[in-house]
Protein backbone atom coordinates (compact mmCIF):
# COMPACT_ATOMS: atom_id res chain seq x y z
CA MET A 1 102.90 134.91 111.40
CA ARG A 2 104.91 134.98 108.13
CA LYS A 3 105.92 131.59 107.83
CA LEU A 4 109.10 130.34 106.12
CA LEU A 5 111.29 127.67 107.58
CA ALA A 6 107.95 125.49 108.43
CA LEU A 7 108.84 122.04 110.38
CA VAL A 8 105.99 119.77 108.98
CA LEU A 9 106.35 117.21 111.23
CA GLY A 10 102.76 116.85 112.67
CA VAL A 11 103.29 119.48 115.54
CA ALA A 12 102.88 123.18 115.14
CA LEU A 13 103.89 125.46 112.23
CA LEU A 14 107.18 127.02 112.80
CA ALA A 15 107.38 130.74 111.48
CA LEU A 16 110.91 132.89 111.31
CA THR A 17 111.16 136.42 111.65
CA ALA A 18 114.56 137.89 111.98
CA CYS A 19 117.91 141.65 111.18
CA GLY A 20 121.30 143.02 110.57
CA SER A 21 124.19 142.70 108.16
CA GLY A 22 127.59 141.48 107.03
CA THR A 23 128.87 138.34 108.29
CA PRO A 24 127.69 138.09 111.90
CA THR A 25 127.64 135.00 114.17
CA THR A 26 125.21 136.15 116.66
CA VAL A 27 122.40 138.35 115.22
CA GLY A 28 119.63 139.30 117.61
CA ALA A 29 118.78 138.81 121.03
CA ALA A 30 121.37 135.62 120.84
CA GLU A 31 122.22 135.39 124.49
CA PRO A 32 119.95 132.47 125.51
CA LEU A 33 121.61 130.67 122.89
CA SER A 34 125.36 130.46 124.16
CA SER A 35 124.53 127.07 126.30
CA ILE A 36 123.83 125.05 122.94
CA LYS A 37 126.05 122.26 122.35
CA LEU A 38 126.08 120.82 118.91
CA THR A 39 127.19 117.66 117.71
CA PRO A 40 127.01 116.61 113.72
CA GLY A 41 125.07 113.52 112.76
CA GLU A 42 126.95 111.03 111.39
CA ASP A 43 125.69 112.15 107.94
CA GLU A 44 123.95 114.03 105.52
CA ASN A 45 120.66 112.58 106.53
CA SER A 46 121.43 112.12 110.36
CA ALA A 47 119.90 114.74 112.61
CA PRO A 48 122.59 116.65 115.40
CA LYS A 49 122.71 115.73 118.69
CA VAL A 50 122.18 119.49 120.63
CA GLU A 51 122.08 119.84 124.49
CA PHE A 52 121.61 123.24 125.99
CA ASP A 53 120.33 124.82 129.53
CA THR A 54 116.24 123.92 130.43
CA PRO A 55 114.13 125.67 130.15
CA LEU A 56 115.48 128.00 127.69
CA GLU A 57 114.24 131.40 128.22
CA VAL A 58 113.80 133.09 125.49
CA THR A 59 111.58 136.77 124.99
CA ASP A 60 113.38 138.11 121.63
CA PRO A 61 114.00 136.63 118.16
CA GLY A 62 117.67 135.74 117.82
CA ALA A 63 120.13 133.19 115.78
CA LYS A 64 123.68 132.33 116.22
CA VAL A 65 125.97 130.39 113.93
CA LEU A 66 126.92 127.52 116.27
CA GLU A 67 129.91 125.99 113.51
CA LYS A 68 130.62 127.37 110.22
CA GLY A 69 131.41 125.34 107.35
CA ASP A 70 134.27 125.43 104.86
CA GLY A 71 131.97 125.74 101.98
CA ASP A 72 131.09 128.85 99.64
CA GLU A 73 129.75 131.73 101.45
CA VAL A 74 125.99 132.19 100.84
CA LYS A 75 125.22 135.75 98.58
CA GLU A 76 122.16 138.18 98.62
CA GLY A 77 120.16 136.80 96.05
CA GLN A 78 120.80 133.32 96.11
CA ASP A 79 118.93 130.39 97.36
CA VAL A 80 120.12 128.54 100.12
CA SER A 81 119.31 124.77 100.38
CA TYR A 82 118.62 123.17 104.55
CA LYS A 83 117.78 120.73 106.80
CA LEU A 84 115.99 121.47 109.88
CA ALA A 85 115.71 119.82 113.29
CA GLY A 86 113.11 121.55 116.25
CA TYR A 87 113.59 121.13 120.20
CA ASN A 88 111.62 121.69 123.06
CA LEU A 89 112.63 124.75 124.57
CA LYS A 90 111.66 123.42 128.33
CA ASP A 91 112.96 119.91 128.33
CA GLY A 92 115.73 120.32 125.45
CA SER A 93 113.86 116.74 123.32
CA GLU A 94 113.56 116.74 119.67
CA VAL A 95 110.39 117.59 118.45
CA GLY A 96 111.11 116.27 115.15
CA ASN A 97 113.65 116.84 112.13
CA THR A 98 113.85 117.00 107.91
CA PHE A 99 117.12 115.39 108.28
CA LYS A 100 116.16 112.04 106.20
CA ASP A 101 114.34 114.04 103.77
CA ALA A 102 115.47 116.17 100.97
CA ALA A 103 116.81 119.38 101.61
CA MET A 104 114.49 122.58 101.49
CA THR A 105 114.88 126.07 99.99
CA LEU A 106 114.57 129.79 100.83
CA SER A 107 115.26 132.58 98.80
CA VAL A 108 118.21 134.79 100.32
CA ASN A 109 116.54 138.27 98.84
CA ASP A 110 114.71 141.75 99.83
CA GLU A 111 111.61 140.04 100.14
CA LEU A 112 113.28 137.58 103.36
CA LYS A 113 115.32 140.83 104.96
CA GLU A 114 111.78 142.65 104.99
CA GLN A 115 109.86 139.30 106.57
CA ASP A 116 112.63 138.13 108.58
CA PRO A 117 115.50 139.98 108.43
CA GLU A 118 117.69 138.18 111.55
CA ILE A 119 117.56 134.85 108.99
CA HIS A 120 118.64 136.94 106.42
CA ASP A 121 121.99 138.63 107.86
CA ILE A 122 122.69 135.44 109.65
CA LEU A 123 122.40 133.78 105.96
CA VAL A 124 124.35 135.82 103.77
CA GLY A 125 128.31 135.60 104.35
CA THR A 126 127.79 132.25 106.29
CA LYS A 127 129.56 129.34 104.40
CA ILE A 128 128.27 126.26 102.90
CA GLY A 129 128.53 123.15 106.40
CA SER A 130 127.04 125.71 108.99
CA TRP A 131 125.38 125.03 111.68
CA VAL A 132 122.71 128.09 113.00
CA ALA A 133 120.49 128.12 115.77
CA TYR A 134 117.58 130.40 115.81
CA VAL A 135 114.62 130.85 118.38
CA HIS A 136 111.41 133.19 117.50
CA PRO A 137 109.20 135.07 119.77
CA GLN A 138 105.41 134.22 118.43
CA ASN A 139 104.57 137.90 119.54
CA ALA A 140 107.94 139.49 118.51
CA ALA A 141 106.16 141.34 115.08
CA PRO A 142 105.72 145.12 115.62
CA PRO A 143 102.53 146.43 116.04
CA GLU A 144 100.66 147.46 112.93
CA ASP A 145 100.92 151.21 114.62
CA GLY A 146 104.78 150.98 114.39
CA SER A 147 105.75 150.84 118.13
CA SER A 148 108.02 148.30 119.89
CA ALA A 149 106.53 145.17 119.83
CA ASP A 150 106.10 143.43 123.87
CA PRO A 151 108.46 140.71 124.92
CA ALA A 152 107.07 137.55 124.31
CA ASP A 153 105.91 134.85 127.00
CA PRO A 154 108.60 132.44 127.32
CA SER A 155 105.87 130.18 128.32
CA GLN A 156 104.81 130.66 124.36
CA ILE A 157 108.31 129.83 122.62
CA ASP A 158 108.30 126.30 122.55
CA GLN A 159 110.84 124.82 120.33
CA LEU A 160 114.17 125.79 119.19
CA LEU A 161 115.32 125.93 115.86
CA ILE A 162 118.56 124.40 114.76
CA LEU A 163 119.54 124.39 110.74
CA LYS A 164 122.36 122.73 108.58
CA VAL A 165 123.25 124.84 105.66
CA VAL A 166 123.36 122.17 102.99
CA GLY A 167 123.81 124.73 99.76
CA ALA A 168 123.65 127.44 97.73
CA LYS A 169 122.96 128.46 93.97
CA ASP A 170 122.24 131.74 91.82
CA LYS A 171 118.69 132.30 91.34
CA ILE A 172 117.39 130.68 88.08
CA LYS A 173 115.34 133.05 85.52
CA VAL A 174 114.02 132.48 82.64
CA ASP A 175 113.96 135.12 80.21
CA PHE A 176 110.86 135.96 78.13
CA GLN A 177 111.58 137.98 75.23
CA LYS A 178 108.93 139.74 72.80
CA GLU A 179 110.18 139.43 69.04
CA LYS A 180 110.31 143.25 67.12
CA GLY A 181 108.18 143.80 63.74
CA ASP A 182 105.78 142.40 61.98
CA ALA A 183 103.80 139.59 62.77
CA LYS A 184 104.47 136.37 60.93
CA LYS A 185 101.84 133.75 60.48
CA ASP A 186 101.49 130.65 62.39
CA ALA A 187 104.71 131.84 64.10
CA GLU A 188 105.38 129.92 67.71
CA ALA A 189 107.68 130.62 70.55
CA THR A 190 110.40 128.92 71.02
CA ALA A 191 113.04 127.87 74.03
CA LYS A 192 116.39 127.18 74.70
CA ILE A 193 115.89 126.06 78.32
CA ALA A 194 119.54 124.60 80.28
CA ASP A 195 119.75 121.79 81.89
CA ASP A 196 119.51 123.50 85.34
CA GLY A 197 116.20 125.38 83.50
CA SER A 198 117.55 128.87 82.75
CA GLY A 199 117.17 130.08 79.51
CA THR A 200 115.14 132.06 76.92
CA VAL A 201 112.31 132.09 75.49
CA LYS A 202 111.15 134.42 72.00
CA ILE A 203 107.47 135.26 71.32
CA PRO A 204 107.28 136.62 68.31
CA ALA A 205 106.32 139.43 67.26
CA GLY A 206 102.20 141.01 67.22
CA ASN A 207 99.33 139.77 68.79
CA LYS A 208 98.58 136.28 66.75
CA PRO A 209 99.11 133.58 68.75
CA PRO A 210 98.21 129.83 67.58
CA ALA A 211 94.52 129.61 68.14
CA ASP A 212 94.37 125.96 70.05
CA LEU A 213 97.39 124.70 72.66
CA LYS A 214 100.60 124.00 71.73
CA VAL A 215 103.11 122.23 73.69
CA THR A 216 106.72 121.61 72.19
CA THR A 217 109.01 119.21 74.16
CA LEU A 218 112.30 120.57 74.98
CA LYS A 219 113.54 117.84 76.97
CA GLU A 220 112.45 114.67 77.56
CA GLY A 221 112.18 112.58 80.42
CA ASP A 222 112.50 108.46 81.11
CA GLY A 223 109.97 108.50 84.16
CA LYS A 224 106.10 107.49 83.76
CA LYS A 225 103.38 109.70 81.56
CA ILE A 226 101.87 111.98 83.73
CA LYS A 227 97.71 111.39 84.18
CA LYS A 228 95.37 114.07 84.16
CA THR A 229 94.27 112.96 87.70
CA ASP A 230 98.10 113.33 89.33
CA THR A 231 99.43 115.56 91.76
CA ILE A 232 102.62 116.53 90.41
CA THR A 233 105.72 118.69 91.45
CA VAL A 234 107.10 120.98 88.98
CA ASP A 235 108.89 123.98 88.15
CA TYR A 236 108.15 126.84 86.04
CA ALA A 237 107.75 129.80 84.86
CA GLY A 238 105.02 132.02 82.78
CA ALA A 239 104.42 135.12 80.54
CA GLN A 240 101.83 136.66 78.63
CA TRP A 241 101.75 136.58 74.76
CA GLU A 242 100.86 139.88 74.00
CA ASP A 243 104.29 141.80 75.43
CA GLY A 244 106.38 139.39 76.85
CA GLU A 245 105.99 140.01 80.66
CA GLN A 246 106.17 137.23 82.96
CA PHE A 247 104.46 137.28 85.79
CA ASP A 248 105.05 134.23 87.71
CA SER A 249 107.48 132.04 88.41
CA SER A 250 108.41 129.13 90.96
CA TYR A 251 111.91 129.66 90.59
CA GLU A 252 111.82 133.46 91.64
CA LYS A 253 110.21 131.93 94.60
CA GLY A 254 112.88 129.97 95.40
CA THR A 255 111.03 126.43 95.45
CA PRO A 256 108.82 124.04 92.88
CA ALA A 257 105.30 123.89 93.11
CA THR A 258 103.13 120.92 93.72
CA PHE A 259 99.51 120.54 92.83
CA GLY A 260 97.03 118.33 91.11
CA LEU A 261 97.38 118.47 87.46
CA ASP A 262 93.12 118.53 87.86
CA GLN A 263 92.91 121.63 90.07
CA VAL A 264 94.94 124.31 87.48
CA ILE A 265 93.98 125.94 84.54
CA LYS A 266 92.46 123.59 81.57
CA GLY A 267 95.90 124.16 79.73
CA TRP A 268 98.09 122.71 81.80
CA THR A 269 96.03 119.61 82.12
CA GLU A 270 96.17 119.12 78.85
CA GLY A 271 99.19 119.91 77.69
CA LEU A 272 101.02 117.83 80.66
CA GLU A 273 98.51 114.91 80.41
CA GLY A 274 101.18 112.21 78.93
CA VAL A 275 104.34 114.18 79.48
CA LYS A 276 106.88 111.99 81.14
CA GLU A 277 108.38 112.57 84.05
CA GLY A 278 111.54 114.44 84.24
CA SER A 279 110.79 115.98 81.40
CA THR A 280 110.70 120.28 80.44
CA VAL A 281 108.22 121.27 77.58
CA LEU A 282 107.21 124.90 76.36
CA LEU A 283 103.16 125.33 76.83
CA THR A 284 101.74 128.24 74.29
CA ILE A 285 97.94 128.28 76.23
CA PRO A 286 95.45 130.55 74.72
CA SER A 287 92.93 132.20 76.31
CA LYS A 288 89.69 130.24 76.50
CA LEU A 289 91.98 127.61 78.10
CA ALA A 290 93.77 129.78 80.27
CA TYR A 291 91.71 132.47 82.91
CA ASP A 292 89.62 133.31 79.90
CA GLY A 293 88.22 137.01 81.58
CA GLN A 294 88.78 136.06 85.20
CA ASP A 295 89.26 139.49 87.22
CA GLY A 296 93.12 139.53 88.41
CA MET A 297 94.53 136.81 86.54
CA PRO A 298 97.16 137.70 83.37
CA GLN A 299 94.81 137.72 79.97
CA GLY A 300 95.51 136.29 76.38
CA THR A 301 97.77 133.40 75.39
CA LEU A 302 100.03 132.42 78.10
CA VAL A 303 103.48 131.14 77.54
CA PHE A 304 105.24 128.59 80.04
CA VAL A 305 108.33 126.50 80.57
CA VAL A 306 107.44 123.39 82.50
CA ASP A 307 109.40 121.17 84.39
CA VAL A 308 108.08 118.13 85.65
CA LYS A 309 110.33 117.04 88.90
CA SER A 310 108.18 114.23 90.15
CA ILE A 311 104.74 112.82 89.94
CA ASP A 312 104.22 112.56 93.92
CA LYS A 313 101.06 110.82 93.66
CA ALA A 314 99.89 108.71 91.04
CA ALA A 315 96.16 108.57 89.89
CA LYS A 316 94.65 105.17 90.37
């Protein structure tokens, strides 16, 4: 099943699937959620107290706004930040929560509507600060032949999710622009990036990119310098030099990417080594340090904007 709001707590990953439109307070089969009583925690880092009739038997997915917030309404296309807690349906005990951690992010877009319509529809129009209850039967997704799904066995649904909507913001966009006209010798890509990560990258006309790796610091951070064996978390967007077509963006996915710097293309490893945590850089990576003919991958010289969020696991 599609995994969206996963509660990574040493227990099973929880997947979400969801239907409807407008500004609903319930979506899907929400009747079983009517017995839930919620008492918010003392602060933003405290999990709520949640009580409900047990065992809570659910056979179809459903969502309900338990308590409305007083912030702005979530809009279609925004990235929603949230915190999450899970509760055992059989006895009501908490199985874990993410309230002490940084908020997670979910993009409210067409992809979410297709994959998880109930979560999409309960979030659109819901105000920041709201509390949402959600349950999803593991076998509620319709069969591939288009027929209706059989109701889930209640014994196979073991958790209730409680979400706190803590924020929403418009999606950050990096606009790559391929300039027109005659190619200029030794021309380099340039970028103007705002503090929130949005901005414009201009790629010179023609297909005569620099032969070697180019690293341009757009904003210098004040953290530690990255080592090539560090694990880092970044936001990024990338395009091909040849046509300026963007082929990947963590901003559009709604969440930063985390990886070992020695597990990516050489242009990233070499280009980010020595860059300070908190920096934003522009990388122009020649094919020999990128995918260099690998099937199914973007070809030629690549241009990336990379915002280094953190060094998560420093090299020894």
